[in-house]
Each structure stands twice: as structure tokens, then as C-alpha cells.
Amino acid sequence: MSRLDGTGRPKASSYKERIEKILIENKYISLTRIAKEIQLNRFTIKRIIKEETDFRKVALRWVPYTLTNEIKAKRVDKARIMQAMVTKMRRDGFIYSITSEETLKYYCNPANSAWIRKGDEIPMRVAKGIGWPKIMVTVFFSGD
């Protein structure tokens, strides 16, 4: 048996259609997730994608994030709400608050790469910046 006479290991074409369907449905999926869904080794999945499909994995093109006037207005509104809340709490025996200014946690983590067909345009991703959704921890202490 050899590859020259066509009698070697057969191509895993039964998996090709399933893999292509998954990549079309979710272009940001990882090899590990595909392997878990199809129940094949991730290296086998990688080989099938490379040899039998016209998909390739590319890094997303980053574009800078700019704050719009709408986002700035929302921030000002939220700051005013928090200021009113702190003023009310101060009247009710509020002592002080602790905020974690430097340890902001991003809760929206988009993919850094995507599967695209050869010849397709590389998708873009907005770079994480000042206006990216994140969580800031705030703890309030009362005098009670």
C-alpha cells in the first residue's frame, strides 16, 4: 500500500462536511471545540482543514476604538447617578468607599482570530480601549 497507487489511508471526507458546516456557523471557533464536538483529535481536525478544505485561520485586523458622543453622554449620566447615590448614603451614615480603579475586569472578550475561506477579506476587530465594557468593583461601608 502506498499513496502513489491510491491505496493508503483514506481521506476523512465524511468529517470534511461536518467541519465545514461548523466553520461556516462559527468562524471564531477553536480547534479544541471542533474536536470536542466531532470527537476527533485536534491535530486530525487541523490536518483535515489544511488538506481538504479551503479554510485558513487568520489573525483579525485591529482597528482603534474611538469614543462617540453617545458613549461619553452615557458615562456622564452614570457618574451623576453614582454621585447622587453617594450623597444620599453620606446623609444616612455612609463613611467611605473603596473602588478598584486599576483592576478593571473585561467581560467582553472577542476572539483574536477567525477561520476564513482562501481569498476572503480578513475581518476586523476593535481594539480594547478606554470605552470597552468592563466591571469595576466598588465597596461601600456604613457607620452602623
N, C-alpha and C. Protein backbone atom coordinates (compact mmCIF):
# COMPACT_ATOMS: atom_id res chain seq x y z
N MET A 1 0.82 -1.18 0.00
CA MET A 1 0.00 0.00 0.00
C MET A 1 0.87 1.25 0.00
N SER A 2 0.52 2.18 -0.83
CA SER A 2 1.23 3.45 -0.85
C SER A 2 0.30 4.54 -1.34
N ARG A 3 0.72 5.74 -1.17
CA ARG A 3 -0.11 6.86 -1.61
C ARG A 3 -0.06 7.00 -3.14
N LEU A 4 1.01 6.49 -3.75
CA LEU A 4 1.15 6.63 -5.20
C LEU A 4 0.09 5.84 -5.95
N ASP A 5 -0.23 4.65 -5.47
CA ASP A 5 -1.25 3.85 -6.17
C ASP A 5 -2.65 4.10 -5.62
N GLY A 6 -2.78 5.02 -4.67
CA GLY A 6 -4.10 5.40 -4.16
C GLY A 6 -4.69 4.44 -3.16
N THR A 7 -3.87 3.57 -2.58
CA THR A 7 -4.41 2.58 -1.65
C THR A 7 -4.02 2.85 -0.21
N GLY A 8 -3.58 3.99 0.13
CA GLY A 8 -3.17 4.29 1.51
C GLY A 8 -4.37 4.59 2.40
N ARG A 9 -4.11 5.32 3.43
CA ARG A 9 -5.17 5.70 4.35
C ARG A 9 -6.17 6.58 3.61
N PRO A 10 -7.47 6.30 3.73
CA PRO A 10 -8.46 7.11 3.01
C PRO A 10 -8.60 8.49 3.64
N LYS A 11 -9.00 9.44 2.84
CA LYS A 11 -9.24 10.78 3.36
C LYS A 11 -10.45 10.74 4.27
N ALA A 12 -10.44 11.59 5.26
CA ALA A 12 -11.54 11.64 6.22
C ALA A 12 -12.64 12.55 5.69
N SER A 13 -13.11 12.26 4.47
CA SER A 13 -14.07 13.14 3.81
C SER A 13 -15.42 13.16 4.51
N SER A 14 -15.74 12.11 5.26
CA SER A 14 -17.01 12.13 5.98
C SER A 14 -16.99 13.23 7.05
N TYR A 15 -15.82 13.57 7.53
CA TYR A 15 -15.70 14.63 8.53
C TYR A 15 -15.59 16.01 7.88
N LYS A 16 -15.16 16.05 6.63
CA LYS A 16 -14.94 17.33 5.95
C LYS A 16 -16.20 18.18 5.95
N GLU A 17 -17.33 17.60 5.57
CA GLU A 17 -18.58 18.36 5.50
C GLU A 17 -19.00 18.85 6.88
N ARG A 18 -18.83 18.01 7.89
CA ARG A 18 -19.20 18.41 9.25
C ARG A 18 -18.34 19.57 9.74
N ILE A 19 -17.03 19.48 9.45
CA ILE A 19 -16.11 20.55 9.87
C ILE A 19 -16.43 21.85 9.14
N GLU A 20 -16.67 21.76 7.82
CA GLU A 20 -17.00 22.96 7.06
C GLU A 20 -18.29 23.60 7.57
N LYS A 21 -19.27 22.78 7.91
CA LYS A 21 -20.54 23.30 8.45
C LYS A 21 -20.30 24.06 9.75
N ILE A 22 -19.46 23.49 10.62
CA ILE A 22 -19.14 24.13 11.90
C ILE A 22 -18.41 25.46 11.66
N LEU A 23 -17.45 25.47 10.73
CA LEU A 23 -16.68 26.69 10.46
C LEU A 23 -17.55 27.78 9.83
N ILE A 24 -18.53 27.39 9.03
CA ILE A 24 -19.43 28.37 8.44
C ILE A 24 -20.35 28.96 9.51
N GLU A 25 -20.82 28.11 10.44
CA GLU A 25 -21.71 28.57 11.51
C GLU A 25 -20.98 29.49 12.49
N ASN A 26 -19.72 29.18 12.82
CA ASN A 26 -18.97 29.97 13.80
C ASN A 26 -17.53 30.08 13.34
N LYS A 27 -17.18 31.21 12.73
CA LYS A 27 -15.83 31.35 12.20
C LYS A 27 -14.78 31.62 13.27
N TYR A 28 -15.22 31.85 14.52
CA TYR A 28 -14.28 32.13 15.61
C TYR A 28 -14.02 30.90 16.49
N ILE A 29 -14.52 29.75 16.13
CA ILE A 29 -14.40 28.54 16.95
C ILE A 29 -12.96 28.03 16.96
N SER A 30 -12.57 27.42 18.06
CA SER A 30 -11.20 26.90 18.18
C SER A 30 -11.14 25.44 17.72
N LEU A 31 -9.93 24.98 17.43
CA LEU A 31 -9.74 23.58 17.06
C LEU A 31 -10.19 22.64 18.17
N THR A 32 -9.93 23.03 19.41
CA THR A 32 -10.30 22.19 20.55
C THR A 32 -11.81 22.01 20.62
N ARG A 33 -12.56 23.07 20.39
CA ARG A 33 -14.03 22.95 20.42
C ARG A 33 -14.55 22.12 19.26
N ILE A 34 -13.96 22.27 18.09
CA ILE A 34 -14.37 21.43 16.95
C ILE A 34 -14.08 19.98 17.27
N ALA A 35 -12.89 19.71 17.81
CA ALA A 35 -12.51 18.33 18.15
C ALA A 35 -13.46 17.74 19.18
N LYS A 36 -13.86 18.53 20.15
CA LYS A 36 -14.79 18.04 21.18
C LYS A 36 -16.15 17.73 20.57
N GLU A 37 -16.59 18.58 19.65
CA GLU A 37 -17.91 18.40 19.03
C GLU A 37 -17.94 17.18 18.11
N ILE A 38 -16.87 16.98 17.35
CA ILE A 38 -16.82 15.86 16.40
C ILE A 38 -16.24 14.60 17.04
N GLN A 39 -15.56 14.76 18.15
CA GLN A 39 -14.90 13.67 18.88
C GLN A 39 -13.76 13.06 18.06
N LEU A 40 -12.90 13.96 17.60
CA LEU A 40 -11.66 13.57 16.92
C LEU A 40 -10.52 14.33 17.58
N ASN A 41 -9.31 13.86 17.32
CA ASN A 41 -8.12 14.54 17.81
C ASN A 41 -8.01 15.91 17.13
N ARG A 42 -7.59 16.94 17.89
CA ARG A 42 -7.50 18.29 17.31
C ARG A 42 -6.47 18.36 16.18
N PHE A 43 -5.43 17.52 16.23
CA PHE A 43 -4.43 17.51 15.16
C PHE A 43 -5.01 16.92 13.88
N THR A 44 -5.91 15.95 14.03
CA THR A 44 -6.61 15.40 12.87
C THR A 44 -7.52 16.46 12.27
N ILE A 45 -8.21 17.20 13.12
CA ILE A 45 -9.07 18.29 12.64
C ILE A 45 -8.24 19.31 11.87
N LYS A 46 -7.09 19.67 12.42
CA LYS A 46 -6.21 20.65 11.77
C LYS A 46 -5.75 20.14 10.41
N ARG A 47 -5.40 18.85 10.33
CA ARG A 47 -4.97 18.26 9.06
C ARG A 47 -6.09 18.27 8.04
N ILE A 48 -7.31 17.92 8.46
CA ILE A 48 -8.44 17.90 7.54
C ILE A 48 -8.72 19.31 7.02
N ILE A 49 -8.69 20.30 7.90
CA ILE A 49 -8.94 21.68 7.46
C ILE A 49 -7.86 22.13 6.48
N LYS A 50 -6.61 21.80 6.78
CA LYS A 50 -5.50 22.24 5.93
C LYS A 50 -5.49 21.54 4.57
N GLU A 51 -5.72 20.22 4.57
CA GLU A 51 -5.57 19.44 3.34
C GLU A 51 -6.85 19.32 2.51
N GLU A 52 -8.02 19.33 3.16
CA GLU A 52 -9.24 19.00 2.43
C GLU A 52 -10.24 20.15 2.29
N THR A 53 -10.01 21.26 2.97
CA THR A 53 -10.92 22.40 2.83
C THR A 53 -10.15 23.61 2.33
N ASP A 54 -10.88 24.65 2.00
CA ASP A 54 -10.21 25.89 1.58
C ASP A 54 -10.28 26.95 2.66
N PHE A 55 -10.41 26.52 3.92
CA PHE A 55 -10.39 27.43 5.05
C PHE A 55 -8.97 27.62 5.56
N ARG A 56 -8.73 28.79 6.14
CA ARG A 56 -7.46 29.06 6.81
C ARG A 56 -7.74 29.95 8.01
N LYS A 57 -6.87 29.88 9.01
CA LYS A 57 -7.05 30.67 10.22
C LYS A 57 -6.19 31.92 10.11
N VAL A 58 -6.80 33.07 10.35
CA VAL A 58 -6.08 34.34 10.25
C VAL A 58 -6.29 35.16 11.52
N ALA A 59 -5.32 35.99 11.83
CA ALA A 59 -5.47 36.94 12.95
C ALA A 59 -6.35 38.09 12.48
N LEU A 60 -7.23 38.54 13.35
CA LEU A 60 -8.12 39.64 13.00
C LEU A 60 -7.36 40.95 12.92
N ARG A 61 -7.77 41.79 12.00
CA ARG A 61 -7.16 43.10 11.84
C ARG A 61 -7.73 44.03 12.90
N TRP A 62 -6.85 44.66 13.67
CA TRP A 62 -7.30 45.54 14.75
C TRP A 62 -7.51 46.95 14.23
N VAL A 63 -8.60 47.56 14.65
CA VAL A 63 -8.85 48.97 14.34
C VAL A 63 -8.98 49.71 15.67
N PRO A 64 -8.55 50.96 15.74
CA PRO A 64 -8.60 51.69 17.01
C PRO A 64 -10.04 51.98 17.43
N TYR A 65 -10.23 52.03 18.74
CA TYR A 65 -11.54 52.34 19.31
C TYR A 65 -11.62 53.83 19.59
N THR A 66 -12.69 54.45 19.17
CA THR A 66 -12.88 55.87 19.45
C THR A 66 -14.18 56.07 20.20
N LEU A 67 -14.16 56.96 21.18
CA LEU A 67 -15.36 57.25 21.96
C LEU A 67 -16.29 58.15 21.15
N THR A 68 -17.55 57.76 21.10
CA THR A 68 -18.54 58.60 20.44
C THR A 68 -19.17 59.53 21.48
N ASN A 69 -19.85 60.55 21.01
CA ASN A 69 -20.52 61.47 21.93
C ASN A 69 -21.60 60.76 22.73
N GLU A 70 -22.24 59.76 22.13
CA GLU A 70 -23.27 58.99 22.83
C GLU A 70 -22.68 58.23 24.01
N ILE A 71 -21.52 57.59 23.81
CA ILE A 71 -20.87 56.85 24.89
C ILE A 71 -20.43 57.80 26.00
N LYS A 72 -19.88 58.96 25.62
CA LYS A 72 -19.46 59.95 26.62
C LYS A 72 -20.66 60.42 27.44
N ALA A 73 -21.80 60.66 26.79
CA ALA A 73 -23.00 61.11 27.49
C ALA A 73 -23.50 60.05 28.46
N LYS A 74 -23.45 58.77 28.06
CA LYS A 74 -23.87 57.68 28.95
C LYS A 74 -22.98 57.63 30.19
N ARG A 75 -21.67 57.83 30.00
CA ARG A 75 -20.74 57.82 31.13
C ARG A 75 -21.04 58.95 32.11
N VAL A 76 -21.32 60.13 31.58
CA VAL A 76 -21.63 61.27 32.44
C VAL A 76 -22.92 60.99 33.22
N ASP A 77 -23.93 60.43 32.55
CA ASP A 77 -25.19 60.10 33.23
C ASP A 77 -24.97 59.09 34.35
N LYS A 78 -24.18 58.06 34.10
CA LYS A 78 -23.91 57.04 35.13
C LYS A 78 -23.13 57.64 36.29
N ALA A 79 -22.19 58.54 36.00
CA ALA A 79 -21.42 59.19 37.07
C ALA A 79 -22.32 60.06 37.93
N ARG A 80 -23.28 60.75 37.31
CA ARG A 80 -24.22 61.58 38.07
C ARG A 80 -25.11 60.72 38.96
N ILE A 81 -25.56 59.57 38.45
CA ILE A 81 -26.37 58.65 39.26
C ILE A 81 -25.58 58.17 40.46
N MET A 82 -24.32 57.79 40.24
CA MET A 82 -23.48 57.31 41.34
C MET A 82 -23.20 58.42 42.34
N GLN A 83 -22.99 59.63 41.86
CA GLN A 83 -22.75 60.76 42.76
C GLN A 83 -23.97 61.03 43.64
N ALA A 84 -25.16 60.97 43.05
CA ALA A 84 -26.39 61.16 43.83
C ALA A 84 -26.55 60.06 44.87
N MET A 85 -26.20 58.83 44.50
CA MET A 85 -26.29 57.71 45.43
C MET A 85 -25.32 57.89 46.60
N VAL A 86 -24.10 58.31 46.33
CA VAL A 86 -23.11 58.52 47.38
C VAL A 86 -23.53 59.67 48.29
N THR A 87 -24.08 60.74 47.73
CA THR A 87 -24.56 61.87 48.53
C THR A 87 -25.67 61.43 49.48
N LYS A 88 -26.61 60.62 48.99
CA LYS A 88 -27.69 60.10 49.83
C LYS A 88 -27.14 59.19 50.92
N MET A 89 -26.19 58.34 50.58
CA MET A 89 -25.61 57.42 51.56
C MET A 89 -24.84 58.19 52.62
N ARG A 90 -24.19 59.29 52.24
CA ARG A 90 -23.44 60.10 53.20
C ARG A 90 -24.38 60.66 54.28
N ARG A 91 -25.58 61.06 53.88
CA ARG A 91 -26.58 61.56 54.84
C ARG A 91 -27.06 60.45 55.77
N ASP A 92 -27.02 59.20 55.30
CA ASP A 92 -27.54 58.06 56.07
C ASP A 92 -26.46 57.33 56.86
N GLY A 93 -25.30 57.93 57.10
CA GLY A 93 -24.27 57.31 57.91
C GLY A 93 -23.16 56.64 57.12
N PHE A 94 -23.07 56.91 55.86
CA PHE A 94 -22.02 56.37 55.00
C PHE A 94 -20.66 56.91 55.43
N ILE A 95 -19.64 56.06 55.53
CA ILE A 95 -18.31 56.50 55.97
C ILE A 95 -17.38 56.71 54.77
N TYR A 96 -17.12 55.65 54.00
CA TYR A 96 -16.23 55.78 52.85
C TYR A 96 -16.46 54.63 51.89
N SER A 97 -15.84 54.71 50.72
CA SER A 97 -15.96 53.64 49.72
C SER A 97 -14.58 53.28 49.21
N ILE A 98 -14.48 52.08 48.71
CA ILE A 98 -13.23 51.61 48.10
C ILE A 98 -13.57 51.20 46.67
N THR A 99 -12.81 51.71 45.72
CA THR A 99 -13.01 51.30 44.33
C THR A 99 -11.72 50.72 43.80
N SER A 100 -11.84 49.77 42.92
CA SER A 100 -10.64 49.16 42.33
C SER A 100 -10.40 49.79 40.97
N GLU A 101 -9.75 50.92 40.99
CA GLU A 101 -9.56 51.71 39.79
C GLU A 101 -8.65 51.03 38.77
N GLU A 102 -7.62 50.37 39.23
CA GLU A 102 -6.62 49.81 38.33
C GLU A 102 -6.92 48.38 37.89
N THR A 103 -7.79 47.68 38.59
CA THR A 103 -8.04 46.27 38.25
C THR A 103 -9.42 46.12 37.63
N LEU A 104 -9.58 46.65 36.45
CA LEU A 104 -10.84 46.53 35.74
C LEU A 104 -10.90 45.17 35.04
N LYS A 105 -12.03 44.52 35.11
CA LYS A 105 -12.20 43.20 34.50
C LYS A 105 -13.03 43.35 33.23
N TYR A 106 -12.46 42.95 32.11
CA TYR A 106 -13.21 42.97 30.86
C TYR A 106 -14.19 41.81 30.86
N TYR A 107 -15.44 42.06 30.53
CA TYR A 107 -16.40 40.97 30.47
C TYR A 107 -16.82 40.66 29.04
N CYS A 108 -16.21 41.31 28.09
CA CYS A 108 -16.48 41.04 26.68
C CYS A 108 -15.14 40.74 26.03
N ASN A 109 -14.84 39.47 25.80
CA ASN A 109 -13.54 39.08 25.25
C ASN A 109 -13.72 38.44 23.88
N PRO A 110 -13.73 39.25 22.83
CA PRO A 110 -13.90 38.68 21.49
C PRO A 110 -12.66 37.92 21.03
N ALA A 111 -12.84 37.11 20.02
CA ALA A 111 -11.76 36.28 19.50
C ALA A 111 -10.67 37.13 18.85
N ASN A 112 -9.47 36.58 18.81
CA ASN A 112 -8.34 37.25 18.15
C ASN A 112 -8.11 36.73 16.74
N SER A 113 -8.74 35.59 16.40
CA SER A 113 -8.53 35.00 15.09
C SER A 113 -9.85 34.43 14.57
N ALA A 114 -9.88 34.17 13.26
CA ALA A 114 -11.09 33.64 12.64
C ALA A 114 -10.73 32.70 11.51
N TRP A 115 -11.64 31.79 11.19
CA TRP A 115 -11.49 30.90 10.05
C TRP A 115 -12.16 31.55 8.85
N ILE A 116 -11.42 31.73 7.76
CA ILE A 116 -12.00 32.30 6.55
C ILE A 116 -11.60 31.43 5.36
N ARG A 117 -12.38 31.53 4.30
CA ARG A 117 -12.02 30.81 3.07
C ARG A 117 -10.90 31.57 2.37
N LYS A 118 -10.08 30.84 1.65
CA LYS A 118 -8.98 31.46 0.93
C LYS A 118 -9.55 32.48 -0.06
N GLY A 119 -9.00 33.68 -0.04
CA GLY A 119 -9.46 34.74 -0.92
C GLY A 119 -10.44 35.69 -0.27
N ASP A 120 -11.04 35.31 0.88
CA ASP A 120 -11.96 36.20 1.58
C ASP A 120 -11.18 37.30 2.30
N GLU A 121 -11.87 38.39 2.59
CA GLU A 121 -11.24 39.51 3.30
C GLU A 121 -11.10 39.19 4.78
N ILE A 122 -10.00 39.63 5.38
CA ILE A 122 -9.75 39.40 6.80
C ILE A 122 -10.68 40.29 7.62
N PRO A 123 -11.44 39.70 8.56
CA PRO A 123 -12.35 40.51 9.39
C PRO A 123 -11.59 41.45 10.31
N MET A 124 -12.28 42.50 10.78
CA MET A 124 -11.66 43.46 11.69
C MET A 124 -12.21 43.29 13.10
N ARG A 125 -11.43 43.76 14.07
CA ARG A 125 -11.83 43.73 15.47
C ARG A 125 -11.42 45.05 16.10
N VAL A 126 -12.31 45.59 16.90
CA VAL A 126 -12.00 46.84 17.60
C VAL A 126 -11.06 46.52 18.75
N ALA A 127 -9.99 47.27 18.87
CA ALA A 127 -9.02 47.06 19.95
C ALA A 127 -9.64 47.46 21.28
N LYS A 128 -9.28 46.74 22.35
CA LYS A 128 -9.77 47.10 23.68
C LYS A 128 -9.21 48.46 24.04
N GLY A 129 -10.07 49.31 24.51
CA GLY A 129 -9.62 50.64 24.87
C GLY A 129 -10.37 51.18 26.06
N ILE A 130 -10.36 52.48 26.19
CA ILE A 130 -10.97 53.14 27.33
C ILE A 130 -12.46 52.83 27.42
N GLY A 131 -13.14 52.80 26.30
CA GLY A 131 -14.58 52.63 26.32
C GLY A 131 -15.07 51.20 26.27
N TRP A 132 -14.19 50.22 26.34
CA TRP A 132 -14.59 48.83 26.24
C TRP A 132 -15.36 48.40 27.49
N PRO A 133 -16.41 47.58 27.35
CA PRO A 133 -17.19 47.17 28.53
C PRO A 133 -16.33 46.44 29.56
N LYS A 134 -16.41 46.90 30.79
CA LYS A 134 -15.64 46.27 31.86
C LYS A 134 -16.36 46.48 33.19
N ILE A 135 -15.93 45.78 34.20
CA ILE A 135 -16.53 45.84 35.52
C ILE A 135 -15.53 46.47 36.48
N MET A 136 -15.98 47.42 37.29
CA MET A 136 -15.14 48.00 38.32
C MET A 136 -15.80 47.71 39.67
N VAL A 137 -15.06 47.11 40.56
CA VAL A 137 -15.59 46.74 41.86
C VAL A 137 -15.65 47.98 42.75
N THR A 138 -16.79 48.18 43.43
CA THR A 138 -16.94 49.27 44.38
C THR A 138 -17.54 48.70 45.66
N VAL A 139 -16.94 49.02 46.81
CA VAL A 139 -17.42 48.55 48.11
C VAL A 139 -17.76 49.77 48.96
N PHE A 140 -18.96 49.76 49.55
CA PHE A 140 -19.39 50.86 50.41
C PHE A 140 -19.44 50.40 51.86
N PHE A 141 -18.99 51.25 52.79
CA PHE A 141 -19.03 50.96 54.23
C PHE A 141 -19.93 51.98 54.91
N SER A 142 -20.77 51.51 55.82
CA SER A 142 -21.62 52.44 56.56
C SER A 142 -21.13 52.54 58.00
N GLY A 143 -21.64 53.52 58.73
CA GLY A 143 -21.21 53.74 60.11
C GLY A 143 -21.98 52.91 61.12
N ASP A 144 -22.88 52.04 60.67
CA ASP A 144 -23.68 51.24 61.61
C ASP A 144 -22.91 50.10 62.20
